[in-house]
C-alpha cells in the first residue's frame, strides 16, 4: 500500500504526526487483509456442501461477523489518528497479503482447510502488527491488534476443531518416537539423537 506523505486531517491526538502516519499505513494494510478475510468467510458460508452443511454454514457466517467487527476497529482507529481508512473492496483486492481463496471447492473439509489457512495467515500478520505498532509508540493500536489476534485465534480453533480428532495421529506419534533414539556418545555419556 502506498505510504501517506502527510495526514489528511488534523487531530488533537498527542501521538506525534510521524508515529500516526506510520501506524495508519500499518493499519490500512491489516484493514485490506481483514476485508479480504471477511469476503473469504462469506465465500465459504455461501458455498459449503455436505453432511455438516448447517453447522459450517452458521460457523462461517459467525466468522464473517467477527471479522466485520475487526474491520470496524481497524478503520475507526485509522480515522482517529487523522487518516483515511482505505476500505473499499477494490483497495482490499489490490493490497491484501492473504492467499487467494479457492473458488472451485464445495466440501466442508475443503472449506475448513481453506478458511483455517487464511485465518492463520491473518493471525500472523496481526500478531506482527502488535509489535510494529508498539515499536512506533502507539500502545492503543497495539492493544487493538492484540484484541483482534485473540479473536482470530479463537475462530481458528473453532474452524479447525471440525477436522481435528487427535492432536497427532497414532502413526505419526509412532514415527516420531522411532526417529528419536538413545545412543552412546564417544565419552560414554548417553545422549539423544534425532535421525
Protein backbone atom coordinates (compact mmCIF):
# COMPACT_ATOMS: atom_id res chain seq x y z
CA UNK A 1 0.00 0.00 0.00
CA UNK A 2 1.32 3.44 -0.87
CA UNK A 3 2.51 5.21 2.31
CA UNK A 4 0.85 8.51 3.17
CA UNK A 5 3.02 11.58 2.64
CA UNK A 6 1.09 13.56 5.24
CA UNK A 7 -2.01 13.17 7.35
CA UNK A 8 -5.14 14.45 5.65
CA UNK A 9 -6.87 15.50 8.89
CA UNK A 10 -5.73 17.44 11.90
CA UNK A 11 -6.38 16.00 15.32
CA UNK A 12 -5.54 16.91 18.90
CA UNK A 13 -4.32 13.34 19.46
CA UNK A 14 -0.95 13.72 21.22
CA UNK A 15 0.86 10.99 19.28
CA UNK A 16 3.50 12.60 17.07
CA UNK A 17 2.46 13.01 13.43
CA UNK A 18 5.24 10.71 12.24
CA UNK A 19 4.01 7.95 14.55
CA UNK A 20 0.42 8.41 13.42
CA UNK A 21 1.44 8.30 9.75
CA UNK A 22 3.37 5.04 10.23
CA UNK A 23 0.60 3.42 12.24
CA UNK A 24 -2.07 4.47 9.72
CA UNK A 25 -0.06 2.79 6.95
CA UNK A 26 0.32 -0.39 9.03
CA UNK A 27 -3.35 -0.48 9.98
CA UNK A 28 -4.51 0.16 6.42
CA UNK A 29 -2.56 -2.91 5.34
CA UNK A 30 -4.23 -5.01 8.02
CA UNK A 31 -7.58 -3.44 7.04
CA UNK A 32 -7.12 -4.72 3.47
CA UNK A 33 -6.36 -8.18 4.86
CA UNK A 34 -9.38 -8.09 7.18
CA UNK A 35 -11.76 -7.09 4.40
CA UNK A 36 -10.38 -9.92 2.27
CA UNK A 37 -10.74 -12.38 5.17
CA UNK A 38 -14.36 -11.33 5.62
CA UNK A 39 -15.19 -11.98 1.97
CA UNK A 40 -13.44 -15.35 2.14
CA UNK A 41 -15.55 -16.35 5.15
CA UNK A 42 -18.68 -15.38 3.19
CA UNK A 43 -17.45 -17.39 0.19
CA UNK A 44 -17.21 -20.44 2.46
CA UNK A 45 -20.60 -19.65 4.05
CA UNK A 46 -22.37 -19.47 0.69
CA UNK A 47 -20.72 -22.44 -0.99
CA UNK A 48 -20.18 -25.15 1.63
CA UNK A 49 -21.84 -28.52 0.90
CA UNK A 50 -22.03 -31.87 2.62
CA UNK A 51 -23.33 -33.62 5.72
CA UNK A 52 -22.21 -30.85 8.10
CA UNK A 53 -23.64 -28.08 5.96
CA UNK A 54 -25.80 -26.28 8.51
CA UNK A 55 -23.19 -26.24 11.29
CA UNK A 56 -20.47 -24.97 8.93
CA UNK A 57 -22.83 -22.54 7.19
CA UNK A 58 -23.54 -20.92 10.58
CA UNK A 59 -19.90 -21.10 11.74
CA UNK A 60 -18.58 -19.39 8.62
CA UNK A 61 -21.22 -16.67 8.98
CA UNK A 62 -20.17 -16.17 12.62
CA UNK A 63 -16.54 -15.85 11.50
CA UNK A 64 -17.62 -13.23 8.97
CA UNK A 65 -19.50 -11.29 11.66
CA UNK A 66 -16.46 -11.26 13.94
CA UNK A 67 -14.20 -10.15 11.10
CA UNK A 68 -16.59 -7.28 10.30
CA UNK A 69 -16.06 -6.08 13.88
CA UNK A 70 -12.27 -6.26 13.35
CA UNK A 71 -12.64 -4.26 10.13
CA UNK A 72 -14.53 -1.59 12.07
CA UNK A 73 -11.92 -1.47 14.86
CA UNK A 74 -9.08 -1.03 12.36
CA UNK A 75 -10.88 1.54 10.18
CA UNK A 76 -12.03 3.64 13.12
CA UNK A 77 -8.53 3.67 14.64
CA UNK A 78 -7.11 4.87 11.32
CA UNK A 79 -9.59 7.76 11.24
CA UNK A 80 -9.00 8.57 14.93
CA UNK A 81 -5.32 9.10 14.07
CA UNK A 82 -6.16 11.60 11.31
CA UNK A 83 -6.01 9.20 8.38
CA UNK A 84 -8.37 7.83 5.78
CA UNK A 85 -9.48 4.23 6.11
CA UNK A 86 -8.76 2.61 2.73
CA UNK A 87 -11.67 0.19 2.99
CA UNK A 88 -13.15 -0.39 -0.43
CA UNK A 89 -13.28 -3.86 -1.93
CA UNK A 90 -11.07 -2.76 -4.83
CA UNK A 91 -8.41 -1.39 -2.50
CA UNK A 92 -8.54 -4.55 -0.39
CA UNK A 93 -8.19 -6.73 -3.50
CA UNK A 94 -5.13 -4.78 -4.61
CA UNK A 95 -3.40 -4.78 -1.23
CA UNK A 96 -4.38 -7.88 0.71
CA UNK A 97 -1.47 -10.12 1.61
CA UNK A 98 -3.71 -13.15 2.20
CA UNK A 99 -3.72 -16.16 -0.14
CA UNK A 100 -6.46 -16.30 -2.76
CA UNK A 101 -9.44 -18.35 -1.67
CA UNK A 102 -10.05 -21.38 -3.91
CA UNK A 103 -13.22 -20.89 -5.93
CA UNK A 104 -13.96 -24.44 -7.06
CA UNK A 105 -14.31 -26.15 -3.68
CA UNK A 106 -17.51 -27.37 -2.07
CA UNK A 107 -16.99 -29.92 0.72
CA UNK A 108 -16.95 -28.92 4.33
CA UNK A 109 -13.40 -30.23 4.77
CA UNK A 110 -12.14 -28.21 1.80
CA UNK A 111 -13.71 -25.00 3.10
CA UNK A 112 -12.47 -25.69 6.63
CA UNK A 113 -8.91 -26.15 5.40
CA UNK A 114 -9.03 -23.09 3.14
CA UNK A 115 -10.54 -20.81 5.78
CA UNK A 116 -8.22 -22.15 8.50
CA UNK A 117 -5.22 -21.35 6.30
CA UNK A 118 -6.46 -17.80 5.77
CA UNK A 119 -7.31 -17.26 9.44
CA UNK A 120 -3.83 -18.47 10.45
CA UNK A 121 -2.16 -16.19 7.90
CA UNK A 122 -4.20 -13.18 9.01
CA UNK A 123 -3.47 -14.00 12.65
CA UNK A 124 0.25 -13.98 11.92
CA UNK A 125 0.05 -10.58 10.20
CA UNK A 126 -1.94 -9.12 13.09
CA UNK A 127 0.50 -10.52 15.68
CA UNK A 128 3.38 -8.83 13.85
CA UNK A 129 1.33 -5.60 13.80
CA UNK A 130 1.14 -5.73 17.60
CA UNK A 131 4.90 -5.36 17.82
CA UNK A 132 5.14 -2.93 14.91
CA UNK A 133 2.57 -0.52 16.32
CA UNK A 134 4.06 -0.80 19.81
CA UNK A 135 7.54 -0.12 18.37
CA UNK A 136 6.11 3.01 16.73
CA UNK A 137 4.92 4.18 20.14
CA UNK A 138 1.18 3.60 19.73
CA UNK A 139 0.15 1.23 22.51
CA UNK A 140 -3.55 1.79 21.83
CA UNK A 141 -3.24 0.43 18.28
CA UNK A 142 -1.13 -2.44 19.63
CA UNK A 143 -3.98 -3.21 22.06
CA UNK A 144 -6.49 -3.23 19.19
CA UNK A 145 -4.26 -5.64 17.27
CA UNK A 146 -3.97 -7.81 20.39
CA UNK A 147 -7.75 -7.93 20.72
CA UNK A 148 -8.08 -8.93 17.06
CA UNK A 149 -5.32 -11.54 17.39
CA UNK A 150 -7.05 -13.19 20.35
CA UNK A 151 -10.33 -13.27 18.45
CA UNK A 152 -8.78 -14.71 15.30
CA UNK A 153 -7.08 -17.45 17.33
CA UNK A 154 -10.48 -18.36 18.82
CA UNK A 155 -12.11 -18.56 15.39
CA UNK A 156 -9.20 -20.60 14.03
CA UNK A 157 -9.73 -23.03 16.90
CA UNK A 158 -13.47 -23.25 16.16
CA UNK A 159 -12.84 -23.88 12.46
CA UNK A 160 -10.01 -26.38 12.90
CA UNK A 161 -11.95 -28.31 15.56
CA UNK A 162 -14.21 -29.60 12.77
CA UNK A 163 -11.37 -31.65 11.28
CA UNK A 164 -9.31 -32.49 14.35
CA UNK A 165 -9.84 -35.73 16.19
CA UNK A 166 -6.43 -36.08 17.87
CA UNK A 167 -3.52 -33.72 18.24
CA UNK A 168 -1.39 -36.25 16.37
CA UNK A 169 -2.30 -39.49 14.70
CA UNK A 170 -1.05 -42.74 16.33
CA UNK A 171 1.02 -43.43 13.21
CA UNK A 172 2.67 -40.01 13.45
CA UNK A 173 3.40 -40.46 17.18
CA UNK A 174 5.00 -43.87 16.49
CA UNK A 175 7.03 -42.39 13.65
CA UNK A 176 8.25 -39.53 15.88
CA UNK A 177 9.23 -41.96 18.64
CA UNK A 178 11.27 -44.12 16.26
CA UNK A 179 13.10 -41.10 14.87
CA UNK A 180 14.44 -40.27 18.33
CA UNK A 181 16.82 -42.90 19.70
CA UNK A 182 19.20 -43.05 22.65
CA UNK A 183 22.85 -43.68 21.82
CA UNK A 184 26.28 -43.57 23.49
CA UNK A 185 28.48 -40.60 22.82
CA UNK A 186 32.26 -41.01 22.37
CA UNK A 187 32.87 -40.21 26.06
CA UNK A 188 30.39 -42.83 27.19
CA UNK A 189 27.54 -40.49 28.17
CA UNK A 190 24.01 -41.08 26.99
CA UNK A 191 22.50 -38.61 24.54
CA UNK A 192 19.54 -38.18 22.23
CA UNK A 193 19.93 -38.05 18.50
CA UNK A 194 17.23 -37.24 16.01
CA UNK A 195 17.78 -39.01 12.71
